[in-house]
N, C-alpha and C. Protein backbone atom coordinates (compact mmCIF):
# COMPACT_ATOMS: atom_id res chain seq x y z
N MET A 1 135.74 54.29 14.23
CA MET A 1 136.14 54.87 12.43
C MET A 1 137.18 53.47 12.54
N ARG A 2 136.89 53.10 10.82
CA ARG A 2 137.74 51.98 10.81
C ARG A 2 139.08 52.37 10.03
N VAL A 3 140.32 52.00 10.89
CA VAL A 3 141.76 52.14 10.11
C VAL A 3 142.07 51.22 9.11
N LYS A 4 142.72 51.69 7.98
CA LYS A 4 143.19 50.66 6.90
C LYS A 4 144.48 50.51 6.97
N THR A 5 145.17 49.45 6.33
CA THR A 5 146.39 49.42 6.51
C THR A 5 147.04 50.48 5.77
N GLY A 6 146.32 50.41 4.32
CA GLY A 6 147.02 51.27 3.30
C GLY A 6 149.05 51.11 3.32
N ILE A 7 149.52 52.38 3.50
CA ILE A 7 150.95 52.12 3.25
C ILE A 7 151.71 51.08 3.41
N VAL A 8 151.14 50.79 5.17
CA VAL A 8 152.04 49.53 6.07
C VAL A 8 152.22 48.37 5.46
N ARG A 9 150.97 47.91 4.80
CA ARG A 9 150.94 46.91 4.02
C ARG A 9 151.72 46.54 2.99
N ARG A 10 152.05 47.27 1.97
CA ARG A 10 152.81 47.47 0.57
C ARG A 10 153.99 47.27 1.10
N ARG A 11 154.37 48.22 2.11
CA ARG A 11 155.96 48.37 2.82
C ARG A 11 156.28 46.71 3.38
N ARG A 12 155.58 46.65 3.87
CA ARG A 12 155.63 44.83 4.50
C ARG A 12 155.57 44.09 3.73
N HIS A 13 155.28 44.13 2.82
CA HIS A 13 155.07 43.26 1.23
C HIS A 13 156.55 43.31 -0.17
N LYS A 14 156.81 44.53 0.63
CA LYS A 14 157.53 44.70 -0.64
C LYS A 14 159.14 44.87 0.11
N LYS A 15 159.05 44.52 1.47
CA LYS A 15 160.30 44.22 2.28
C LYS A 15 160.77 42.63 1.81
N ILE A 16 159.28 42.59 2.25
CA ILE A 16 159.33 40.85 2.09
C ILE A 16 159.84 40.14 0.95
N LEU A 17 159.23 40.59 -0.31
CA LEU A 17 159.97 40.04 -1.35
C LEU A 17 161.31 40.97 -2.29
N LYS A 18 161.64 42.02 -1.45
CA LYS A 18 162.92 42.23 -1.72
C LYS A 18 164.07 41.44 -1.17
N ALA A 19 163.83 41.02 -0.43
CA ALA A 19 164.75 39.49 0.41
C ALA A 19 164.31 38.03 -0.28
N ALA A 20 163.04 38.12 -0.94
CA ALA A 20 163.20 36.95 -1.74
C ALA A 20 163.79 37.29 -3.23
N LYS A 21 164.48 38.36 -3.81
CA LYS A 21 164.45 38.71 -5.20
C LYS A 21 166.09 37.66 -5.25
N GLY A 22 165.64 37.32 -6.88
CA GLY A 22 166.63 36.09 -7.03
C GLY A 22 165.99 34.39 -6.42
N PHE A 23 165.06 34.33 -6.00
CA PHE A 23 164.63 33.10 -5.99
C PHE A 23 163.81 32.33 -6.81
N ARG A 24 163.66 31.29 -6.91
CA ARG A 24 162.95 30.68 -8.17
C ARG A 24 161.87 30.15 -8.07
N GLY A 25 161.33 30.73 -8.97
CA GLY A 25 159.13 30.39 -9.37
C GLY A 25 159.02 31.58 -8.40
N ALA A 26 157.90 30.38 -7.71
CA ALA A 26 157.02 31.77 -7.11
C ALA A 26 157.40 32.08 -6.08
N SER A 27 158.33 31.46 -5.84
CA SER A 27 159.19 31.93 -4.36
C SER A 27 159.55 33.39 -4.53
N GLY A 28 159.70 33.89 -5.56
CA GLY A 28 160.94 35.38 -5.77
C GLY A 28 159.31 36.07 -5.96
N ASP A 29 158.38 36.30 -6.44
CA ASP A 29 157.58 37.25 -6.52
C ASP A 29 155.99 37.02 -5.80
N ALA A 30 155.61 35.65 -5.32
CA ALA A 30 154.33 35.77 -4.95
C ALA A 30 154.65 35.84 -3.48
N LEU A 31 153.54 36.42 -2.89
CA LEU A 31 154.02 36.44 -1.64
C LEU A 31 153.96 35.85 -0.33
N LYS A 32 153.07 34.70 -0.45
CA LYS A 32 152.82 33.83 0.70
C LYS A 32 153.85 33.15 0.19
N GLN A 33 154.34 32.45 -0.62
CA GLN A 33 155.80 31.29 -1.08
C GLN A 33 157.24 32.16 -0.97
N ALA A 34 157.10 33.92 -0.90
CA ALA A 34 158.33 34.17 -0.84
C ALA A 34 158.58 34.77 0.67
N LYS A 35 157.42 35.07 1.21
CA LYS A 35 157.38 34.44 2.65
C LYS A 35 157.84 33.37 3.55
N GLN A 36 157.48 32.13 2.73
CA GLN A 36 158.13 31.03 3.49
C GLN A 36 159.74 30.93 3.00
N ALA A 37 159.96 31.17 1.68
CA ALA A 37 161.31 30.71 1.02
C ALA A 37 162.54 31.59 2.03
N THR A 38 162.00 32.94 2.35
CA THR A 38 162.88 33.80 3.16
C THR A 38 162.58 33.51 4.43
N MET A 39 161.81 32.64 5.27
CA MET A 39 161.71 32.56 6.56
C MET A 39 162.51 31.33 6.33
N LYS A 40 162.68 30.61 5.61
CA LYS A 40 163.17 28.98 5.80
C LYS A 40 165.39 29.45 5.27
N ALA A 41 165.00 30.72 4.39
CA ALA A 41 166.86 30.98 4.19
C ALA A 41 167.43 31.81 5.07
N MET A 42 166.61 31.80 5.82
CA MET A 42 166.97 32.93 7.31
C MET A 42 167.11 31.81 8.10
N ALA A 43 167.10 31.11 7.88
CA ALA A 43 166.93 29.33 9.08
C ALA A 43 168.61 29.08 8.67
N TYR A 44 168.84 28.40 7.40
CA TYR A 44 169.35 28.35 6.93
C TYR A 44 170.59 29.08 7.16
N SER A 45 170.57 30.23 6.79
CA SER A 45 172.04 31.05 7.08
C SER A 45 172.11 31.23 8.56
N THR A 46 171.38 31.12 9.88
CA THR A 46 171.74 30.89 11.23
C THR A 46 172.68 29.83 11.27
N ARG A 47 171.93 28.67 10.62
CA ARG A 47 172.89 27.28 11.07
C ARG A 47 173.95 27.25 10.56
N ASP A 48 174.01 28.02 9.23
CA ASP A 48 175.09 27.43 8.52
C ASP A 48 176.42 28.74 8.65
N ARG A 49 176.43 29.50 9.79
CA ARG A 49 177.40 30.24 9.74
C ARG A 49 177.98 29.43 11.15
N LYS A 50 177.23 28.60 11.78
CA LYS A 50 178.28 27.72 12.27
C LYS A 50 178.77 26.58 11.99
N VAL A 51 177.86 25.74 10.88
CA VAL A 51 178.93 25.27 9.95
C VAL A 51 180.36 25.39 9.18
N ASN A 52 179.94 26.96 8.77
CA ASN A 52 180.77 27.35 7.93
C ASN A 52 182.07 27.67 9.30
N LYS A 53 182.03 28.08 10.46
CA LYS A 53 183.02 27.83 10.67
C LYS A 53 183.91 26.55 11.35
N ARG A 54 182.66 25.30 11.48
CA ARG A 54 183.49 24.19 11.69
C ARG A 54 183.94 24.12 10.47
N ARG A 55 183.71 24.37 9.45
CA ARG A 55 184.42 23.61 8.07
C ARG A 55 185.28 24.51 7.90
N MET A 56 185.81 25.71 8.35
CA MET A 56 187.19 26.02 8.32
C MET A 56 188.14 25.52 9.59
N ARG A 57 187.71 25.47 10.36
CA ARG A 57 188.55 24.17 11.26
C ARG A 57 188.84 23.00 10.94
N GLN A 58 188.32 22.66 10.07
CA GLN A 58 188.63 21.50 9.85
C GLN A 58 189.80 21.85 8.58
N LEU A 59 189.64 22.84 7.70
CA LEU A 59 190.26 22.86 6.82
C LEU A 59 191.76 23.13 7.04
N TRP A 60 192.01 23.94 8.42
CA TRP A 60 192.97 24.88 8.93
C TRP A 60 193.67 23.68 9.82
N ILE A 61 192.78 21.92 10.35
CA ILE A 61 193.46 20.96 10.71
C ILE A 61 194.54 20.41 10.00
N THR A 62 193.39 19.97 8.89
CA THR A 62 193.61 19.14 7.50
C THR A 62 195.41 19.75 7.08
N ARG A 63 195.28 21.21 6.79
CA ARG A 63 196.76 22.46 6.35
C ARG A 63 198.14 21.49 7.39
N ILE A 64 197.48 21.97 8.16
CA ILE A 64 198.37 21.85 9.71
C ILE A 64 199.18 20.29 9.81
N ASN A 65 198.11 19.66 9.73
CA ASN A 65 198.33 18.40 10.11
C ASN A 65 199.10 17.96 8.51
N SER A 66 199.34 18.20 7.28
CA SER A 66 200.04 18.01 6.09
C SER A 66 201.05 18.30 6.61
N ALA A 67 201.18 19.95 7.05
CA ALA A 67 203.04 20.30 7.03
C ALA A 67 203.58 19.27 8.44
N ALA A 68 202.99 19.44 9.18
CA ALA A 68 203.57 18.80 9.83
C ALA A 68 203.97 17.59 9.88
N ARG A 69 203.78 16.67 9.20
CA ARG A 69 204.25 15.40 8.49
C ARG A 69 204.76 15.54 7.71
N LEU A 70 204.97 16.80 6.90
CA LEU A 70 206.38 17.07 6.18
C LEU A 70 207.75 17.25 6.95
N ASN A 71 206.83 17.46 8.04
CA ASN A 71 207.96 18.10 9.27
C ASN A 71 208.54 16.74 10.21
N GLY A 72 208.09 15.33 9.74
CA GLY A 72 208.41 14.46 10.71
C GLY A 72 207.56 14.22 12.03
N LEU A 73 206.16 14.57 11.97
CA LEU A 73 205.42 14.85 13.39
C LEU A 73 204.15 14.83 12.87
N THR A 74 203.67 14.19 13.71
CA THR A 74 202.01 13.76 13.68
C THR A 74 200.91 15.01 14.13
N TYR A 75 199.98 16.03 14.15
CA TYR A 75 199.44 17.09 14.07
C TYR A 75 199.02 16.89 15.60
N SER A 76 198.61 16.02 16.19
CA SER A 76 198.40 15.52 17.52
C SER A 76 199.78 16.44 18.43
N VAL A 77 200.99 15.38 17.80
CA VAL A 77 202.37 15.46 18.47
C VAL A 77 203.02 17.12 18.69
N PHE A 78 202.68 18.00 17.34
CA PHE A 78 203.26 19.12 16.98
C PHE A 78 202.19 20.07 17.71
N MET A 79 201.07 20.17 17.74
CA MET A 79 200.08 20.80 18.79
C MET A 79 200.69 20.25 20.56
N ASN A 80 200.43 19.92 20.79
CA ASN A 80 201.26 19.20 22.28
C ASN A 80 202.69 19.72 22.64
N GLY A 81 203.34 20.05 21.54
CA GLY A 81 204.61 20.31 21.27
C GLY A 81 204.66 21.90 21.81
N LEU A 82 204.10 22.24 20.84
CA LEU A 82 203.52 23.88 20.82
C LEU A 82 203.08 24.29 22.30
N LYS A 83 202.14 23.90 22.79
CA LYS A 83 201.90 24.12 23.79
C LYS A 83 202.46 24.12 25.10
N LYS A 84 203.46 22.61 25.01
CA LYS A 84 204.36 22.44 25.88
C LYS A 84 205.43 23.70 25.99
N ALA A 85 206.11 24.20 25.03
CA ALA A 85 206.86 25.12 24.57
C ALA A 85 206.28 26.36 24.58
N GLY A 86 205.39 26.62 25.16
CA GLY A 86 204.23 27.65 25.51
C GLY A 86 204.09 28.71 24.09
N ILE A 87 203.50 27.90 22.72
CA ILE A 87 203.28 28.85 21.71
C ILE A 87 201.90 28.77 21.73
N GLU A 88 201.42 29.94 21.71
CA GLU A 88 200.01 30.04 21.54
C GLU A 88 200.00 30.56 20.36
N LEU A 89 199.50 29.88 19.31
CA LEU A 89 199.11 30.70 17.90
C LEU A 89 197.82 29.69 17.57
N ASP A 90 196.82 30.21 16.99
CA ASP A 90 195.87 29.45 17.14
C ASP A 90 195.73 28.76 16.06
N ARG A 91 194.71 28.04 15.49
CA ARG A 91 194.98 27.21 14.03
C ARG A 91 195.13 28.18 12.77
N LYS A 92 193.87 28.78 12.52
CA LYS A 92 194.19 30.13 11.50
C LYS A 92 195.41 30.29 11.14
N VAL A 93 195.90 31.13 12.24
CA VAL A 93 197.60 31.75 11.84
C VAL A 93 198.79 30.24 11.49
N LEU A 94 198.51 29.46 12.22
CA LEU A 94 199.47 27.86 12.08
C LEU A 94 199.09 27.74 10.45
N ALA A 95 197.79 27.35 10.13
CA ALA A 95 197.01 27.28 8.70
C ALA A 95 197.81 27.94 7.56
N ASP A 96 197.86 29.32 8.18
CA ASP A 96 198.24 30.57 6.89
C ASP A 96 199.53 30.10 6.79
N LEU A 97 200.78 30.00 7.79
CA LEU A 97 202.33 29.96 8.15
C LEU A 97 202.26 28.54 7.07
N ALA A 98 201.79 27.40 7.27
CA ALA A 98 201.74 26.70 7.25
C ALA A 98 202.19 26.40 5.23
N LEU A 99 201.05 26.83 4.60
CA LEU A 99 200.52 27.34 3.33
C LEU A 99 201.54 28.25 2.70
N ASN A 100 202.21 29.30 3.48
CA ASN A 100 202.73 30.50 2.65
C ASN A 100 203.95 30.83 3.38
N ASN A 101 204.09 30.34 4.51
CA ASN A 101 205.92 30.63 4.82
C ASN A 101 206.17 29.16 5.67
N ALA A 102 206.39 28.08 4.65
CA ALA A 102 207.21 27.06 5.18
C ALA A 102 208.10 27.04 5.77
N ALA A 103 208.89 27.74 5.48
CA ALA A 103 210.53 27.68 6.78
C ALA A 103 210.33 28.37 8.06
N GLU A 104 209.31 29.24 8.26
CA GLU A 104 208.39 29.32 9.41
C GLU A 104 208.03 28.38 10.34
N PHE A 105 207.24 27.88 9.89
CA PHE A 105 206.31 26.65 9.95
C PHE A 105 207.31 25.12 10.63
N ALA A 106 208.67 25.10 9.46
CA ALA A 106 209.61 24.24 10.04
C ALA A 106 209.81 24.92 11.75
N LYS A 107 210.56 25.63 11.62
CA LYS A 107 211.02 26.38 12.87
C LYS A 107 210.38 26.20 14.36
N LEU A 108 209.07 26.35 13.68
CA LEU A 108 207.71 25.73 14.91
C LEU A 108 207.83 24.23 14.89
N ALA A 109 208.14 23.62 13.59
CA ALA A 109 207.75 21.98 14.45
C ALA A 109 209.02 21.50 14.88
N GLU A 110 210.32 22.09 14.54
CA GLU A 110 211.62 22.12 15.36
C GLU A 110 211.27 22.37 16.83
N THR A 111 210.43 23.47 17.45
CA THR A 111 210.40 23.52 18.49
C THR A 111 209.71 23.15 19.77
N ALA A 112 208.61 22.39 18.47
CA ALA A 112 207.37 21.62 19.28
C ALA A 112 208.43 20.32 19.16
N LYS A 113 209.18 19.52 18.73
CA LYS A 113 209.42 18.77 18.62
C LYS A 113 210.94 18.63 19.38
N ALA A 114 211.51 19.79 19.95
CA ALA A 114 212.48 19.50 21.15
C ALA A 114 211.36 19.95 22.22
N ALA A 115 210.30 20.38 22.52
CA ALA A 115 209.64 20.42 23.85
C ALA A 115 208.88 19.16 24.16
N ARG A 116 208.85 18.31 23.24
CA ARG A 116 207.97 16.74 23.74
C ARG A 116 208.65 16.50 24.61
């Protein structure tokens, strides 16, 4: 007896088309193009999660560097001073302090200067 695909195929197609919703042109409504476009989009999203982490770290380092320079230190000297002082704050927290709480960051800079 022959087994027909029936609802299984329709569900599979709907799943792909739902994922491709909002894509331009045939990529959003033609099944073959939608399948290719969603596969490519998934590959990009996997790659870009790592790229996003990289960019955020760059931004944090830039913010820390500019705040450290306002306090008379370079980024590398500041980070080395913190390490020698035994202060283990990550770059995300340091960047937030540099942006939103300059007085606290200045205290950290003084600690880093003293530990050099």
